[in-house]
N, C-alpha and C. Protein backbone atom coordinates (compact mmCIF):
# COMPACT_ATOMS: atom_id res chain seq x y z
N MET A 1 72.52 101.10 101.21
CA MET A 1 72.59 101.63 102.82
C MET A 1 74.58 102.17 103.11
N LYS A 2 74.74 103.31 103.33
CA LYS A 2 76.34 103.15 103.85
C LYS A 2 76.96 103.09 104.78
N SER A 3 77.87 101.91 104.89
CA SER A 3 78.22 101.17 105.76
C SER A 3 78.87 102.91 106.48
N ILE A 4 78.91 102.75 108.16
CA ILE A 4 79.39 103.77 108.72
C ILE A 4 80.76 102.88 110.09
N LEU A 5 81.87 103.74 110.08
CA LEU A 5 83.03 103.31 110.64
C LEU A 5 82.30 103.47 112.34
N ILE A 6 81.90 103.46 113.15
CA ILE A 6 81.96 103.42 114.70
C ILE A 6 83.17 103.04 115.61
N GLY A 7 83.58 104.16 116.42
CA GLY A 7 84.96 103.91 117.26
C GLY A 7 84.30 103.43 118.62
N TYR A 8 85.53 103.03 119.33
CA TYR A 8 85.22 102.83 120.93
C TYR A 8 86.63 102.92 121.30
N ALA A 9 86.65 103.65 122.67
CA ALA A 9 87.74 103.73 123.41
C ALA A 9 87.69 103.57 125.05
N ARG A 10 88.66 103.19 125.27
CA ARG A 10 88.63 103.03 126.73
C ARG A 10 90.07 103.02 127.40
N CYS A 11 89.96 103.91 128.74
CA CYS A 11 91.01 103.77 129.36
C CYS A 11 90.78 103.27 131.01
N SER A 12 91.63 102.71 131.62
CA SER A 12 90.91 102.01 132.90
C SER A 12 91.25 102.94 134.37
N THR A 13 92.04 104.03 134.17
CA THR A 13 91.57 104.77 135.31
C THR A 13 91.56 106.31 134.59
N ASP A 14 91.05 106.83 135.90
CA ASP A 14 90.66 108.27 135.38
C ASP A 14 92.24 109.10 135.21
N LYS A 15 93.22 108.86 135.62
CA LYS A 15 94.52 109.19 135.23
C LYS A 15 95.22 109.13 134.16
N GLN A 16 94.42 108.10 132.87
CA GLN A 16 94.99 107.63 132.09
C GLN A 16 94.09 108.85 130.89
N ASP A 17 94.31 108.88 130.00
CA ASP A 17 93.97 109.91 128.71
C ASP A 17 93.73 109.38 127.67
N LEU A 18 92.46 109.35 127.17
CA LEU A 18 91.92 109.06 125.66
C LEU A 18 92.42 109.37 124.67
N GLU A 19 93.05 110.55 124.89
CA GLU A 19 93.18 111.23 122.93
C GLU A 19 94.19 110.82 122.05
N ILE A 20 95.58 109.86 122.60
CA ILE A 20 95.58 109.26 121.74
C ILE A 20 95.33 108.05 121.32
N GLN A 21 94.24 107.36 121.98
CA GLN A 21 93.52 106.20 121.17
C GLN A 21 92.31 107.17 119.93
N LYS A 22 91.50 107.93 120.70
CA LYS A 22 90.73 108.69 119.77
C LYS A 22 91.82 109.14 118.39
N THR A 23 93.02 109.89 118.48
CA THR A 23 93.41 110.02 117.50
C THR A 23 93.66 109.38 116.39
N SER A 24 93.94 107.88 116.96
CA SER A 24 94.65 106.57 115.99
C SER A 24 92.89 106.00 115.64
N LEU A 25 91.90 106.35 115.88
CA LEU A 25 90.28 106.13 115.41
C LEU A 25 89.81 106.93 114.29
N VAL A 26 90.21 108.38 114.67
CA VAL A 26 90.04 109.42 113.60
C VAL A 26 91.19 109.21 112.61
N ASP A 27 92.34 108.79 112.67
CA ASP A 27 93.50 108.60 111.76
C ASP A 27 92.85 107.04 110.97
N LEU A 28 92.15 106.42 111.33
CA LEU A 28 91.55 104.89 110.90
C LEU A 28 90.00 105.36 110.37
N GLY A 29 90.28 106.40 110.13
CA GLY A 29 88.71 106.92 109.43
C GLY A 29 87.38 107.32 110.08
N VAL A 30 87.44 106.89 111.40
CA VAL A 30 86.51 107.30 112.30
C VAL A 30 86.29 108.72 112.33
N ASP A 31 84.44 108.87 112.16
CA ASP A 31 84.43 110.24 112.35
C ASP A 31 84.47 110.83 113.74
N ALA A 32 85.12 111.77 114.32
CA ALA A 32 85.11 112.03 115.95
C ALA A 32 83.94 112.34 116.68
N SER A 33 82.76 112.61 116.06
CA SER A 33 81.47 112.23 116.84
C SER A 33 80.46 111.07 116.40
N ARG A 34 81.51 109.79 116.16
CA ARG A 34 80.97 108.44 116.18
C ARG A 34 81.98 107.99 117.10
N ILE A 35 82.81 108.35 118.16
CA ILE A 35 83.70 107.81 118.63
C ILE A 35 83.05 107.63 120.32
N TYR A 36 82.87 106.43 120.85
CA TYR A 36 82.07 106.01 122.01
C TYR A 36 83.31 105.98 122.94
N SER A 37 83.49 106.49 124.37
CA SER A 37 84.31 105.89 125.18
C SER A 37 83.87 105.73 126.63
N ASP A 38 84.97 105.02 127.09
CA ASP A 38 84.76 104.61 128.87
C ASP A 38 86.09 105.19 129.38
N HIS A 39 85.82 105.97 130.36
CA HIS A 39 86.68 106.45 131.05
C HIS A 39 86.89 106.40 132.31
N GLY A 40 87.72 105.62 133.01
CA GLY A 40 88.28 104.76 134.19
C GLY A 40 87.69 103.15 134.92
N LEU A 41 87.08 102.90 133.84
CA LEU A 41 86.46 101.77 133.65
C LEU A 41 87.37 100.53 133.00
N THR A 42 87.85 99.71 134.19
CA THR A 42 88.92 98.16 133.43
C THR A 42 87.41 97.65 132.07
N GLY A 43 88.67 96.98 131.79
CA GLY A 43 87.91 95.63 130.45
C GLY A 43 87.55 94.99 130.84
N THR A 44 87.33 94.38 132.28
CA THR A 44 86.92 93.29 133.23
C THR A 44 85.24 93.62 133.72
N ASN A 45 85.18 95.19 133.33
CA ASN A 45 84.12 95.37 134.15
C ASN A 45 83.36 95.54 132.77
N ARG A 46 82.18 94.10 132.79
CA ARG A 46 81.00 94.57 131.37
C ARG A 46 80.03 95.63 131.78
N ALA A 47 79.71 96.13 132.94
CA ALA A 47 79.10 97.53 132.51
C ALA A 47 80.06 98.74 131.85
N ARG A 48 80.09 98.86 130.91
CA ARG A 48 80.78 99.94 130.19
C ARG A 48 79.86 100.76 129.56
N PRO A 49 78.88 102.12 129.67
CA PRO A 49 78.13 102.48 129.45
C PRO A 49 78.50 103.25 127.71
N GLY A 50 79.67 103.74 127.62
CA GLY A 50 80.19 103.63 126.57
C GLY A 50 80.39 102.94 125.22
N LEU A 51 80.67 101.67 126.03
CA LEU A 51 80.60 100.35 125.14
C LEU A 51 79.28 100.28 124.62
N ASP A 52 78.29 99.90 125.82
CA ASP A 52 76.62 99.72 124.95
C ASP A 52 76.44 100.79 124.25
N GLN A 53 76.72 102.08 124.10
CA GLN A 53 76.28 102.72 123.20
C GLN A 53 77.00 102.70 121.88
N ALA A 54 78.18 102.42 121.56
CA ALA A 54 78.74 101.90 120.42
C ALA A 54 77.83 100.99 120.00
N LEU A 55 77.76 99.67 121.13
CA LEU A 55 77.22 98.52 120.16
C LEU A 55 75.77 99.08 119.38
N ALA A 56 74.96 99.78 120.55
CA ALA A 56 73.78 100.02 119.95
C ALA A 56 73.74 100.80 118.70
N ALA A 57 74.95 101.36 118.43
CA ALA A 57 74.89 102.56 117.25
C ALA A 57 75.36 101.61 116.10
N VAL A 58 76.11 100.55 116.29
CA VAL A 58 76.52 99.90 114.88
C VAL A 58 75.42 99.14 114.33
N ARG A 59 75.19 99.50 113.13
CA ARG A 59 74.17 98.74 112.32
C ARG A 59 74.40 97.69 111.27
N GLU A 60 73.61 96.59 111.21
CA GLU A 60 74.05 95.95 109.63
C GLU A 60 75.11 96.85 108.46
N GLY A 61 76.36 95.89 108.66
CA GLY A 61 76.92 96.95 107.58
C GLY A 61 77.71 97.44 107.92
N ASP A 62 77.83 98.10 109.19
CA ASP A 62 78.78 98.78 109.86
C ASP A 62 79.85 97.88 110.36
N THR A 63 80.96 98.95 110.92
CA THR A 63 82.13 98.47 111.64
C THR A 63 82.42 99.14 112.78
N LEU A 64 82.61 98.51 114.07
CA LEU A 64 83.04 98.89 114.78
C LEU A 64 84.46 98.85 114.99
N VAL A 65 84.90 100.01 115.50
CA VAL A 65 86.68 100.05 115.12
C VAL A 65 87.37 100.41 116.53
N VAL A 66 88.22 99.56 117.14
CA VAL A 66 89.00 99.66 118.30
C VAL A 66 90.55 100.01 117.92
N ALA A 67 91.05 100.68 119.05
CA ALA A 67 92.49 101.02 118.56
C ALA A 67 92.92 99.53 118.87
N LYS A 68 93.00 98.51 119.91
CA LYS A 68 93.57 97.19 119.98
C LYS A 68 92.56 96.77 120.57
N LEU A 69 92.59 95.07 120.82
CA LEU A 69 91.56 94.59 121.50
C LEU A 69 91.54 94.54 122.68
N ASP A 70 92.70 94.87 123.28
CA ASP A 70 92.57 95.05 124.89
C ASP A 70 91.69 96.49 125.29
N ARG A 71 91.29 97.16 124.44
CA ARG A 71 91.02 98.30 124.71
C ARG A 71 89.15 98.06 124.71
N LEU A 72 88.71 96.45 123.92
CA LEU A 72 87.39 96.25 123.60
C LEU A 72 87.27 95.67 124.94
N ALA A 73 87.86 94.46 125.25
CA ALA A 73 87.86 93.49 126.63
C ALA A 73 89.25 92.90 126.81
N ARG A 74 89.12 92.38 127.98
CA ARG A 74 90.38 92.11 128.92
C ARG A 74 90.23 90.61 129.17
N SER A 75 89.02 90.12 128.45
CA SER A 75 89.00 88.58 128.85
C SER A 75 88.52 87.59 127.33
N VAL A 76 88.95 86.73 127.20
CA VAL A 76 88.56 85.85 126.15
C VAL A 76 87.02 85.32 125.88
N PRO A 77 86.37 85.30 127.39
CA PRO A 77 85.34 84.96 126.98
C PRO A 77 84.38 86.60 126.58
N ASP A 78 84.48 87.27 127.66
CA ASP A 78 83.95 88.86 126.74
C ASP A 78 84.23 88.87 125.51
N ALA A 79 85.72 88.87 124.92
CA ALA A 79 86.24 89.42 123.35
C ALA A 79 84.82 88.44 122.42
N ARG A 80 85.15 87.02 122.81
CA ARG A 80 84.14 86.48 122.24
C ARG A 80 82.78 86.68 122.19
N TRP A 81 82.12 86.95 123.08
CA TRP A 81 81.04 87.26 123.30
C TRP A 81 80.27 88.64 122.57
N ILE A 82 81.22 90.00 122.71
CA ILE A 82 81.37 90.73 121.69
C ILE A 82 81.39 90.48 120.43
N ALA A 83 82.43 90.09 120.11
CA ALA A 83 82.53 89.60 118.23
C ALA A 83 81.42 88.58 117.73
N GLU A 84 80.85 87.60 118.46
CA GLU A 84 79.27 87.11 118.25
C GLU A 84 78.14 87.85 118.08
N GLN A 85 78.13 88.90 118.95
CA GLN A 85 77.19 89.87 118.86
C GLN A 85 77.24 90.64 117.66
N LEU A 86 78.42 90.87 117.50
CA LEU A 86 78.81 91.88 116.27
C LEU A 86 78.27 91.08 115.00
N THR A 87 79.07 89.62 114.85
CA THR A 87 78.68 88.89 113.88
C THR A 87 77.06 88.39 113.40
N GLU A 88 76.23 88.29 114.72
CA GLU A 88 75.33 87.63 114.39
C GLU A 88 74.16 89.36 114.00
N ARG A 89 75.08 90.48 113.92
CA ARG A 89 74.06 91.63 113.21
C ARG A 89 74.35 92.52 112.17
N GLY A 90 75.48 91.32 111.31
CA GLY A 90 76.45 91.92 110.52
C GLY A 90 77.39 92.79 110.74
N VAL A 91 77.86 93.27 111.48
CA VAL A 91 78.70 94.01 111.73
C VAL A 91 80.19 93.67 111.83
N LYS A 92 81.03 94.43 110.86
CA LYS A 92 82.28 93.89 111.14
C LYS A 92 83.09 94.29 112.42
N LEU A 93 84.41 93.93 112.91
CA LEU A 93 85.50 93.86 113.85
C LEU A 93 86.21 94.69 113.46
N GLN A 94 86.53 95.66 113.37
CA GLN A 94 88.12 96.24 112.82
C GLN A 94 89.04 96.30 114.25
N LEU A 95 90.32 95.51 114.20
CA LEU A 95 91.15 95.99 115.60
C LEU A 95 92.70 96.72 114.96
N GLY A 96 92.81 97.60 114.79
CA GLY A 96 93.68 98.87 114.39
C GLY A 96 93.59 98.37 112.69
N ALA A 97 94.11 98.83 112.31
CA ALA A 97 93.93 98.57 110.28
C ALA A 97 93.42 97.15 110.12
N SER A 98 93.55 96.16 110.82
CA SER A 98 92.96 95.04 110.33
C SER A 98 91.58 94.59 110.68
N VAL A 99 90.65 93.92 110.11
CA VAL A 99 89.31 93.72 110.32
C VAL A 99 89.36 92.52 110.16
N TYR A 100 88.71 92.13 111.16
CA TYR A 100 88.31 90.88 111.77
C TYR A 100 87.23 89.89 110.78
N ASP A 101 87.22 88.63 110.39
CA ASP A 101 86.75 88.21 109.50
C ASP A 101 86.30 86.83 110.29
N PRO A 102 85.38 86.84 111.00
CA PRO A 102 84.69 85.48 111.86
C PRO A 102 84.45 83.85 111.11
N VAL A 103 84.10 84.46 109.64
CA VAL A 103 83.91 83.40 108.86
C VAL A 103 84.88 82.48 108.24
N ASP A 104 86.40 82.71 108.19
CA ASP A 104 87.66 82.45 108.04
C ASP A 104 88.19 82.00 109.24
N PRO A 105 88.65 80.70 109.16
CA PRO A 105 89.19 79.89 110.11
C PRO A 105 90.17 80.45 110.77
N MET A 106 91.38 80.66 109.58
CA MET A 106 92.22 81.66 110.40
C MET A 106 91.87 82.94 110.85
N GLY A 107 90.78 83.87 110.19
CA GLY A 107 90.67 84.82 111.40
C GLY A 107 90.42 84.45 112.61
N LYS A 108 89.66 83.58 112.90
CA LYS A 108 88.91 82.75 113.95
C LYS A 108 89.78 83.04 115.20
N MET A 109 90.92 82.26 114.36
CA MET A 109 92.00 81.66 115.78
C MET A 109 92.90 83.08 115.82
N PHE A 110 93.22 83.71 114.88
CA PHE A 110 93.96 84.68 115.02
C PHE A 110 93.17 85.64 116.05
N PHE A 111 92.10 85.77 115.90
CA PHE A 111 91.21 86.72 116.94
C PHE A 111 91.42 86.21 118.22
N ASN A 112 91.39 85.26 118.73
CA ASN A 112 91.29 84.17 119.71
C ASN A 112 92.85 84.29 120.43
N ILE A 113 93.79 84.34 119.52
CA ILE A 113 95.00 84.65 120.08
C ILE A 113 95.33 85.99 120.48
N LEU A 114 94.75 87.07 119.79
CA LEU A 114 94.60 88.11 120.30
C LEU A 114 94.07 88.04 121.60
N ALA A 115 92.89 87.83 122.20
CA ALA A 115 92.17 87.86 122.94
C ALA A 115 92.87 87.43 124.03
N THR A 116 93.60 86.15 123.74
CA THR A 116 94.25 85.44 124.62
C THR A 116 95.29 86.36 125.31
N PHE A 117 96.13 86.75 124.33
CA PHE A 117 97.07 88.02 124.83
C PHE A 117 96.67 89.20 125.53
N ALA A 118 95.39 89.63 125.65
CA ALA A 118 94.67 90.70 125.90
C ALA A 118 94.42 90.39 127.12
N GLU A 119 93.81 89.01 127.56
CA GLU A 119 93.60 88.62 128.93
C GLU A 119 94.72 88.68 129.96
N PHE A 120 95.72 87.98 129.00
CA PHE A 120 97.28 88.27 129.89
C PHE A 120 97.28 89.76 130.29
N GLU A 121 97.79 90.65 129.00
CA GLU A 121 98.01 91.77 129.32
C GLU A 121 97.21 92.12 130.59
N GLY A 122 95.81 92.26 130.93
CA GLY A 122 94.98 92.51 131.93
C GLY A 122 95.45 92.30 133.47
N LYS A 123 96.04 90.94 132.90
CA LYS A 123 96.62 90.53 134.63
C LYS A 123 98.27 91.01 134.82
N ARG A 124 98.32 91.23 133.88
CA ARG A 124 100.40 91.27 134.10
C ARG A 124 100.52 92.46 135.02
N PRO A 125 99.72 93.88 134.66
CA PRO A 125 100.53 94.87 135.89
C PRO A 125 99.93 94.24 137.56
N VAL A 126 99.11 93.43 137.96
CA VAL A 126 98.94 92.74 139.16
C VAL A 126 100.05 92.33 139.62
N LYS A 127 100.87 91.35 138.83
CA LYS A 127 101.59 90.53 139.10
C LYS A 127 103.10 91.75 139.27
N ALA A 128 103.06 92.34 138.53
CA ALA A 128 104.29 93.53 138.28
C ALA A 128 104.53 94.29 139.02
N THR A 129 103.10 94.35 139.60
CA THR A 129 103.18 95.45 141.15
C THR A 129 103.42 94.73 142.29
N TYR A 130 103.47 93.66 142.63
CA TYR A 130 103.63 92.56 143.42
C TYR A 130 105.33 92.21 143.88
N GLN A 131 105.58 93.00 145.09
CA GLN A 131 106.85 92.53 145.46
C GLN A 131 106.96 91.83 146.48
N PRO A 132 107.88 90.94 146.58
CA PRO A 132 107.93 90.35 148.36
C PRO A 132 108.65 91.07 149.08
N ALA A 133 109.12 90.99 150.28
CA ALA A 133 109.06 91.94 151.09
C ALA A 133 110.53 91.60 151.55
N MET A 134 111.30 92.47 150.59
CA MET A 134 112.87 92.64 150.35
C MET A 134 113.14 93.77 151.04
N GLY A 135 112.62 94.60 151.68
CA GLY A 135 112.96 95.99 152.12
C GLY A 135 113.47 97.13 150.96
N PRO A 136 113.63 98.29 151.12
CA PRO A 136 113.87 98.83 150.30
C PRO A 136 115.36 98.93 148.98
N ILE A 137 115.21 99.39 148.31
CA ILE A 137 116.50 98.92 147.51
C ILE A 137 116.84 100.51 147.14
N THR A 138 118.12 100.92 147.27
CA THR A 138 118.76 102.07 147.31
C THR A 138 119.77 101.94 145.96
N LEU A 139 119.78 103.05 145.42
CA LEU A 139 120.48 103.33 144.29
C LEU A 139 121.27 104.27 144.10
N THR A 140 122.51 103.89 144.13
CA THR A 140 123.53 105.52 144.19
C THR A 140 124.16 105.34 142.92
N LEU A 141 123.85 106.43 142.28
CA LEU A 141 124.64 107.32 141.50
C LEU A 141 126.01 108.48 141.56
N GLN A 142 127.31 107.96 140.99
CA GLN A 142 128.22 108.82 141.12
C GLN A 142 128.68 109.36 140.11
N ARG A 143 129.20 110.21 140.03
CA ARG A 143 129.89 111.07 138.69
C ARG A 143 131.16 110.65 138.89
N ASN A 144 131.48 110.44 137.37
CA ASN A 144 132.86 109.97 136.64
C ASN A 144 133.76 111.04 136.76
N THR A 145 134.96 111.39 137.93
CA THR A 145 135.63 112.65 137.59
C THR A 145 136.80 112.69 137.04
N THR A 146 137.07 111.28 136.24
CA THR A 146 138.34 111.00 135.81
C THR A 146 138.56 110.74 134.96
N ALA A 147 137.09 111.27 134.07
CA ALA A 147 137.45 111.47 132.49
C ALA A 147 138.02 112.41 131.80
């Protein structure tokens, strides 16, 4: 039985575009007809129909491919749960150009570090958009006419 690459792409808001991720997945060898996606759903939302379809499509020996781990999961427990489900079914997980090896202790450690960063990145925009009540900031630009 030939192994198949199944792709998954996700963006959090309706205003974001999935095309960059889909192009990346195709560049990694995934057939465009085998890319499942969720548009406008956050990675912390476990109810993602596209992810469910991708997980249902992969079979033993296949590889689930995502451009970046934060497109798959935004929490360490969720990332681990998905990785364990794939491992139990004999499915590989490819993050970009790297294939995750859950048997290798270094591979497992690296995956957990990436999951931690994905979770951190998911929480960072919330803090980055918080501004204490300082009032408006005004920036004035002047043209240098003495040059």
